[in-house]
Amino acid sequence: MTSSAIAVSGLRKAYGDKVVLDGIDFDVAAGSVFSMLGPNGAGKTTTVNVLTTLLTADAGTVHVAGHDVATATKDVRAAIGVTGQFAAVDDLLTGRENLQLMADLKRLRSGDQTVTRLLERFDLVESADKMASTYSGGMRRKLDLAMTLVGNPQIIFLDEPTTGLDPRSRRTMWGIVRELVADGTTIFLTTQYLEEADQLADRIAVLNQGRLVAQGTADELKRQLPGTHVRLRFADPFELGEAARVFTDSTADEEELTLRVPSDGQSRSLRALLDRLDEHTLNAQEFSVHTPDLDDVFLALTENTGKDTSKDKEAIAR
């Protein structure tokens, strides 16, 4: 049995002459958060729809929870839960009734207990018997995710689950996602909020024009972009000047007494940098590693959509 909760190889989907997914490959480890980033129209929702059996791929293989989505649709659907971009709650029902409806549809024997447990877990007890139409955006999102959890799915697809939420509600949802993963659930997350992916994802894939242009942890993606550097702060202008002569590719800030030295930020490079300071009897009072943030990564990989950037993408994805 594979340790991959999701395994995708050569996935392709087109609508007429428009290729939406152009042969993408990725694996999602069980019990992890995998985040797919990309601009609008990149193919994120199409990917989710194929993985959740709502669309049929034109080519490639897709296994979810060990089942082929093309030949074992029923098994895949039994193993997954899906929360879309818009909360799929029934406004004419109460929160409790929405959950009970899901329990009845899944024919749970302990439906009442499940409903009570989920209301407590999502802090919806006080509003349980109020109409869902009276819920705030954050409450509707929590109810929607609670409904997704009825039946304890192994894998949950969250397609931009915090769109439109205020920062407090978004962080509440982050906490719930972390709890789910701690319990062994696998999360497939698409989001437009780069901070969200940075905070939650074990691995990130960047999708652009139907192709995966980079994969890795947030830190790996940041380190691979130009701009990572070590910042050294010195006690006086003399030492700053001496250090600038040692590191000829550096940039000095005389007012702040700091030196910016290009680096990949890895331990071996840091050790070599500090050794060079020692060789010249120089002492930095402080040093810190600075990397591009995920916004920089996203823009670098997706902004040049009108020209061939395959060489740059290969370098970053390598």
Protein backbone atom coordinates (compact mmCIF):
# COMPACT_ATOMS: atom_id res chain seq x y z
CA MET A 1 0.00 0.00 0.00
CA THR A 2 1.46 3.34 -1.06
CA SER A 3 2.07 6.07 1.50
CA SER A 4 0.68 8.58 -1.00
CA ALA A 5 -2.85 9.70 -0.31
CA ILE A 6 -2.98 11.16 -3.82
CA ALA A 7 -0.82 10.14 -6.79
CA VAL A 8 -1.15 11.97 -10.11
CA SER A 9 0.80 11.22 -13.28
CA GLY A 10 0.47 12.83 -16.70
CA LEU A 11 -2.89 14.44 -15.90
CA ARG A 12 -4.30 16.23 -18.92
CA LYS A 13 -7.59 18.02 -19.47
CA ALA A 14 -8.69 20.17 -22.39
CA TYR A 15 -11.86 21.84 -23.57
CA GLY A 16 -11.70 21.88 -27.33
CA ASP A 17 -8.48 23.63 -28.29
CA LYS A 18 -7.94 25.07 -24.81
CA VAL A 19 -5.58 22.92 -22.73
CA VAL A 20 -6.39 23.44 -19.05
CA LEU A 21 -4.05 20.82 -17.57
CA ASP A 22 -1.01 19.90 -19.62
CA GLY A 23 0.34 16.63 -18.22
CA ILE A 24 0.92 17.42 -14.55
CA ASP A 25 2.50 15.06 -11.97
CA PHE A 26 2.47 15.22 -8.17
CA ASP A 27 2.12 13.10 -5.04
CA VAL A 28 0.49 14.02 -1.74
CA ALA A 29 1.78 12.24 1.36
CA ALA A 30 -0.83 10.80 3.71
CA GLY A 31 -1.49 12.96 6.77
CA SER A 32 -0.06 16.14 5.21
CA VAL A 33 -1.27 19.45 3.80
CA PHE A 34 -0.59 19.88 0.10
CA SER A 35 -1.32 23.33 -1.30
CA MET A 36 -1.77 24.17 -4.97
CA LEU A 37 -1.20 27.81 -5.89
CA GLY A 38 -1.84 29.57 -9.16
CA PRO A 39 -3.46 32.61 -10.72
CA ASN A 40 -7.11 32.59 -11.74
CA GLY A 41 -7.57 30.25 -14.69
CA ALA A 42 -4.42 28.27 -13.98
CA GLY A 43 -6.36 25.00 -13.61
CA LYS A 44 -6.60 24.62 -9.82
CA THR A 45 -10.34 23.99 -9.64
CA THR A 46 -10.18 21.70 -12.68
CA THR A 47 -7.54 19.65 -10.86
CA VAL A 48 -9.77 19.40 -7.78
CA ASN A 49 -12.75 18.41 -9.93
CA VAL A 50 -10.80 15.58 -11.56
CA LEU A 51 -9.43 14.33 -8.23
CA THR A 52 -12.91 14.36 -6.69
CA THR A 53 -14.47 12.49 -9.67
CA LEU A 54 -16.53 15.47 -10.85
CA LEU A 55 -14.60 15.62 -14.13
CA THR A 56 -13.06 12.92 -16.30
CA ALA A 57 -9.43 13.40 -17.32
CA ASP A 58 -8.46 13.19 -20.99
CA ALA A 59 -5.19 11.42 -20.16
CA GLY A 60 -3.01 10.35 -17.26
CA THR A 61 -3.59 8.34 -14.10
CA VAL A 62 -5.00 9.58 -10.81
CA HIS A 63 -5.20 7.56 -7.60
CA VAL A 64 -6.94 8.94 -4.53
CA ALA A 65 -6.81 6.94 -1.28
CA GLY A 66 -5.35 4.11 -3.33
CA HIS A 67 -8.29 4.03 -5.77
CA ASP A 68 -8.27 4.89 -9.48
CA VAL A 69 -10.64 7.83 -9.97
CA ALA A 70 -11.59 6.53 -13.43
CA THR A 71 -12.49 2.96 -12.45
CA ALA A 72 -13.29 3.12 -8.72
CA THR A 73 -15.36 6.30 -8.49
CA LYS A 74 -17.56 5.02 -5.69
CA ASP A 75 -14.57 4.05 -3.52
CA VAL A 76 -12.94 7.44 -4.08
CA ARG A 77 -16.09 9.31 -3.10
CA ALA A 78 -16.42 7.24 0.07
CA ALA A 79 -12.89 8.26 1.12
CA ILE A 80 -13.06 12.01 0.50
CA GLY A 81 -14.77 15.19 1.64
CA VAL A 82 -14.99 18.38 -0.40
CA THR A 83 -15.43 22.00 0.66
CA GLY A 84 -15.74 24.37 -2.30
CA GLN A 85 -15.18 28.09 -2.72
CA PHE A 86 -18.70 28.87 -1.53
CA ALA A 87 -20.27 27.39 1.60
CA ALA A 88 -22.73 24.68 0.50
CA VAL A 89 -25.13 25.02 3.42
CA ASP A 90 -28.92 25.07 3.20
CA ASP A 91 -30.11 28.47 4.45
CA LEU A 92 -33.60 27.10 5.14
CA LEU A 93 -32.22 24.64 7.70
CA THR A 94 -30.57 25.19 11.07
CA GLY A 95 -26.94 24.32 11.62
CA ARG A 96 -27.95 21.15 13.40
CA GLU A 97 -30.35 20.18 10.60
CA ASN A 98 -27.67 20.73 7.95
CA LEU A 99 -25.37 18.32 9.79
CA GLN A 100 -28.17 15.84 10.41
CA LEU A 101 -29.02 15.88 6.70
CA MET A 102 -25.43 14.91 5.86
CA ALA A 103 -25.49 12.15 8.48
CA ASP A 104 -28.74 10.79 7.03
CA LEU A 105 -27.39 10.89 3.48
CA LYS A 106 -24.35 8.90 4.61
CA ARG A 107 -26.62 6.55 6.60
CA LEU A 108 -24.64 6.89 9.80
CA ARG A 109 -25.93 4.75 12.64
CA SER A 110 -24.62 7.19 15.24
CA GLY A 111 -25.79 10.29 13.38
CA ASP A 112 -26.99 12.18 16.46
CA GLN A 113 -23.70 11.64 18.26
CA THR A 114 -21.75 12.73 15.19
CA VAL A 115 -23.79 15.92 14.87
CA THR A 116 -23.33 16.79 18.55
CA ARG A 117 -19.58 16.13 18.38
CA LEU A 118 -19.12 18.32 15.29
CA LEU A 119 -21.17 21.17 16.74
CA GLU A 120 -18.93 21.13 19.79
CA ARG A 121 -15.71 20.83 17.80
CA PHE A 122 -16.56 23.82 15.61
CA ASP A 123 -17.93 25.96 18.44
CA LEU A 124 -21.41 26.03 16.91
CA VAL A 125 -23.42 24.75 19.88
CA GLU A 126 -25.00 28.11 20.77
CA SER A 127 -26.08 28.73 17.18
CA ALA A 128 -26.96 25.10 16.38
CA ASP A 129 -30.72 25.69 16.28
CA LYS A 130 -30.60 28.99 14.43
CA MET A 131 -31.27 29.19 10.70
CA ALA A 132 -28.08 29.00 8.65
CA SER A 133 -29.21 32.14 6.82
CA THR A 134 -28.44 34.10 10.02
CA TYR A 135 -24.84 32.83 10.23
CA SER A 136 -21.85 35.07 9.58
CA GLY A 137 -19.41 34.20 6.80
CA GLY A 138 -17.02 32.58 9.26
CA MET A 139 -19.79 30.53 10.88
CA ARG A 140 -21.04 29.35 7.48
CA ARG A 141 -17.53 28.26 6.56
CA LYS A 142 -17.17 26.33 9.82
CA LEU A 143 -20.55 24.66 9.29
CA ASP A 144 -19.62 23.77 5.72
CA LEU A 145 -16.37 22.15 6.86
CA ALA A 146 -18.18 20.36 9.69
CA MET A 147 -20.60 18.93 7.10
CA THR A 148 -17.61 17.78 5.05
CA LEU A 149 -16.31 15.85 8.08
CA VAL A 150 -19.47 13.78 8.51
CA GLY A 151 -18.33 10.21 7.90
CA ASN A 152 -14.66 10.88 8.78
CA PRO A 153 -13.18 11.19 5.26
CA GLN A 154 -9.51 10.22 4.86
CA ILE A 155 -8.83 13.09 2.46
CA ILE A 156 -10.39 16.55 2.44
CA PHE A 157 -10.29 18.90 -0.53
CA LEU A 158 -10.48 22.56 0.47
CA ASP A 159 -10.93 24.72 -2.62
CA GLU A 160 -10.20 28.30 -1.49
CA PRO A 161 -11.98 27.68 1.84
CA THR A 162 -11.25 31.08 3.43
CA THR A 163 -12.12 33.35 0.50
CA GLY A 164 -13.93 36.40 1.82
CA LEU A 165 -13.31 35.68 5.50
CA ASP A 166 -11.95 38.28 7.91
CA PRO A 167 -8.47 37.61 9.38
CA ARG A 168 -9.85 36.27 12.68
CA SER A 169 -12.16 33.75 10.96
CA ARG A 170 -9.35 32.76 8.60
CA ARG A 171 -7.04 31.96 11.51
CA THR A 172 -9.81 29.97 13.18
CA MET A 173 -10.05 27.86 10.03
CA TRP A 174 -6.27 27.41 10.05
CA GLY A 175 -6.49 26.03 13.56
CA ILE A 176 -9.16 23.54 12.49
CA VAL A 177 -7.04 22.41 9.53
CA ARG A 178 -4.04 21.84 11.82
CA GLU A 179 -6.22 19.75 14.17
CA LEU A 180 -7.45 17.62 11.27
CA VAL A 181 -3.91 16.92 10.09
CA ALA A 182 -2.83 16.08 13.66
CA ASP A 183 -5.58 13.45 13.63
CA GLY A 184 -4.15 11.92 10.43
CA THR A 185 -6.37 13.55 7.81
CA THR A 186 -4.84 14.53 4.47
CA ILE A 187 -5.66 18.03 3.20
CA PHE A 188 -5.51 19.17 -0.42
CA LEU A 189 -5.72 22.96 -0.32
CA THR A 190 -6.09 25.49 -3.09
CA THR A 191 -5.85 29.11 -2.02
CA GLN A 192 -5.23 32.63 -3.29
CA TYR A 193 -3.80 33.64 0.09
CA LEU A 194 -0.08 32.98 -0.03
CA GLU A 195 0.27 33.42 3.73
CA GLU A 196 -2.25 30.61 4.14
CA ALA A 197 -0.13 28.20 2.12
CA ASP A 198 3.00 29.38 3.93
CA GLN A 199 1.38 28.73 7.32
CA LEU A 200 -0.32 25.40 6.60
CA ALA A 201 1.27 23.50 3.73
CA ASP A 202 3.88 20.77 4.07
CA ARG A 203 4.41 20.97 0.32
CA ILE A 204 3.39 23.54 -2.28
CA ALA A 205 2.88 23.19 -6.01
CA VAL A 206 2.64 26.23 -8.27
CA LEU A 207 0.35 25.79 -11.27
CA ASN A 208 0.56 28.20 -14.19
CA GLN A 209 -1.18 27.89 -17.55
CA GLY A 210 -1.92 24.24 -16.90
CA ARG A 211 1.63 23.25 -15.95
CA LEU A 212 3.28 22.70 -12.59
CA VAL A 213 6.21 25.08 -12.67
CA ALA A 214 7.59 24.34 -9.19
CA GLN A 215 7.07 22.03 -6.20
CA GLY A 216 8.60 21.90 -2.74
CA THR A 217 8.27 23.17 0.78
CA ALA A 218 7.73 26.90 1.24
CA ASP A 219 11.31 27.31 2.43
CA GLU A 220 12.71 25.36 -0.53
CA LEU A 221 10.82 27.52 -2.99
CA LYS A 222 11.96 30.72 -1.30
CA ARG A 223 15.62 29.65 -1.20
CA GLN A 224 15.70 28.83 -4.90
CA LEU A 225 14.84 32.38 -5.94
CA PRO A 226 17.50 35.04 -6.33
CA GLY A 227 17.48 37.46 -3.42
CA THR A 228 18.36 35.23 -0.50
CA HIS A 229 21.11 36.90 1.49
CA VAL A 230 22.87 37.12 4.84
CA ARG A 231 22.70 40.44 6.63
CA LEU A 232 25.68 41.30 8.85
CA ARG A 233 25.73 44.22 11.29
CA PHE A 234 29.04 45.67 12.48
CA ALA A 235 30.04 47.87 15.41
CA ASP A 236 31.69 50.65 13.39
CA PRO A 237 32.21 51.94 9.83
CA PHE A 238 35.79 50.65 9.70
CA GLU A 239 34.81 47.01 10.20
CA LEU A 240 31.92 47.46 7.76
CA GLY A 241 34.32 48.77 5.12
CA GLU A 242 36.80 45.97 5.71
CA ALA A 243 34.03 43.36 5.40
CA ALA A 244 32.81 44.98 2.18
CA ARG A 245 36.31 44.55 0.71
CA VAL A 246 36.29 40.86 1.71
CA PHE A 247 32.85 40.20 0.19
CA THR A 248 33.14 42.01 -3.13
CA ASP A 249 29.61 41.04 -4.25
CA SER A 250 28.03 42.54 -1.13
CA THR A 251 26.00 45.73 -0.60
CA ALA A 252 26.77 48.01 2.35
CA ASP A 253 24.41 50.28 4.25
CA GLU A 254 26.67 52.79 6.02
CA GLU A 255 23.85 54.33 8.03
CA GLU A 256 22.71 50.98 9.46
CA LEU A 257 26.27 49.55 9.52
CA THR A 258 24.99 46.46 7.74
CA LEU A 259 26.34 44.39 4.89
CA ARG A 260 24.09 42.35 2.59
CA VAL A 261 25.91 39.26 1.25
CA PRO A 262 24.23 37.04 -1.39
CA SER A 263 23.84 33.47 -0.12
CA ASP A 264 21.64 30.40 -0.52
CA GLY A 265 21.06 30.46 3.24
CA GLN A 266 22.17 26.87 3.81
CA SER A 267 24.35 25.90 6.78
CA ARG A 268 27.43 25.09 4.70
CA SER A 269 27.36 28.53 3.06
CA LEU A 270 26.85 30.25 6.41
CA ARG A 271 29.80 28.40 7.90
CA ALA A 272 32.03 29.43 4.99
CA LEU A 273 30.92 33.05 5.33
CA LEU A 274 31.68 33.17 9.06
CA ASP A 275 35.02 31.44 8.51
CA ARG A 276 35.99 34.19 6.05
CA LEU A 277 35.16 36.81 8.68
CA ASP A 278 37.41 35.00 11.17
CA GLU A 279 40.24 34.80 8.65
CA HIS A 280 40.23 38.59 8.43
CA THR A 281 39.71 39.05 12.20
CA LEU A 282 36.33 40.65 11.61
CA ASN A 283 33.40 40.29 13.98
CA ALA A 284 29.75 40.83 13.10
CA GLN A 285 27.64 41.81 16.08
CA GLU A 286 24.56 40.29 14.46
CA PHE A 287 23.78 38.19 11.43
CA SER A 288 20.53 36.95 9.97
CA VAL A 289 19.35 35.09 6.87
CA HIS A 290 16.75 36.77 4.69
CA THR A 291 14.84 34.96 1.97
CA PRO A 292 12.21 36.04 -0.57
CA ASP A 293 8.68 35.48 0.69
CA LEU A 294 6.06 33.34 -1.00
CA ASP A 295 4.65 36.38 -2.79
CA ASP A 296 8.01 36.78 -4.53
CA VAL A 297 8.01 33.10 -5.49
CA PHE A 298 4.48 33.29 -6.85
CA LEU A 299 5.14 36.41 -8.92
CA ALA A 300 8.42 35.09 -10.30
CA LEU A 301 6.77 31.87 -11.47
CA THR A 302 3.53 33.26 -12.84
CA GLU A 303 4.02 36.85 -14.06
CA ASN A 304 5.77 36.03 -17.35
CA THR A 305 2.79 34.32 -18.90
CA GLY A 306 3.25 35.84 -22.31
CA LYS A 307 6.74 34.56 -23.08
CA ASP A 308 8.74 31.33 -22.92
CA THR A 309 10.24 31.04 -19.43
CA SER A 310 10.83 27.31 -19.46
CA LYS A 311 14.54 27.62 -18.70
CA ASP A 312 13.89 29.86 -15.70
CA LYS A 313 11.16 27.54 -14.46
CA GLU A 314 13.37 24.50 -14.78
CA ALA A 315 16.08 26.23 -12.77
CA ILE A 316 13.65 27.14 -9.99
CA ALA A 317 11.91 23.77 -9.96
CA ARG A 318 15.15 21.81 -9.99
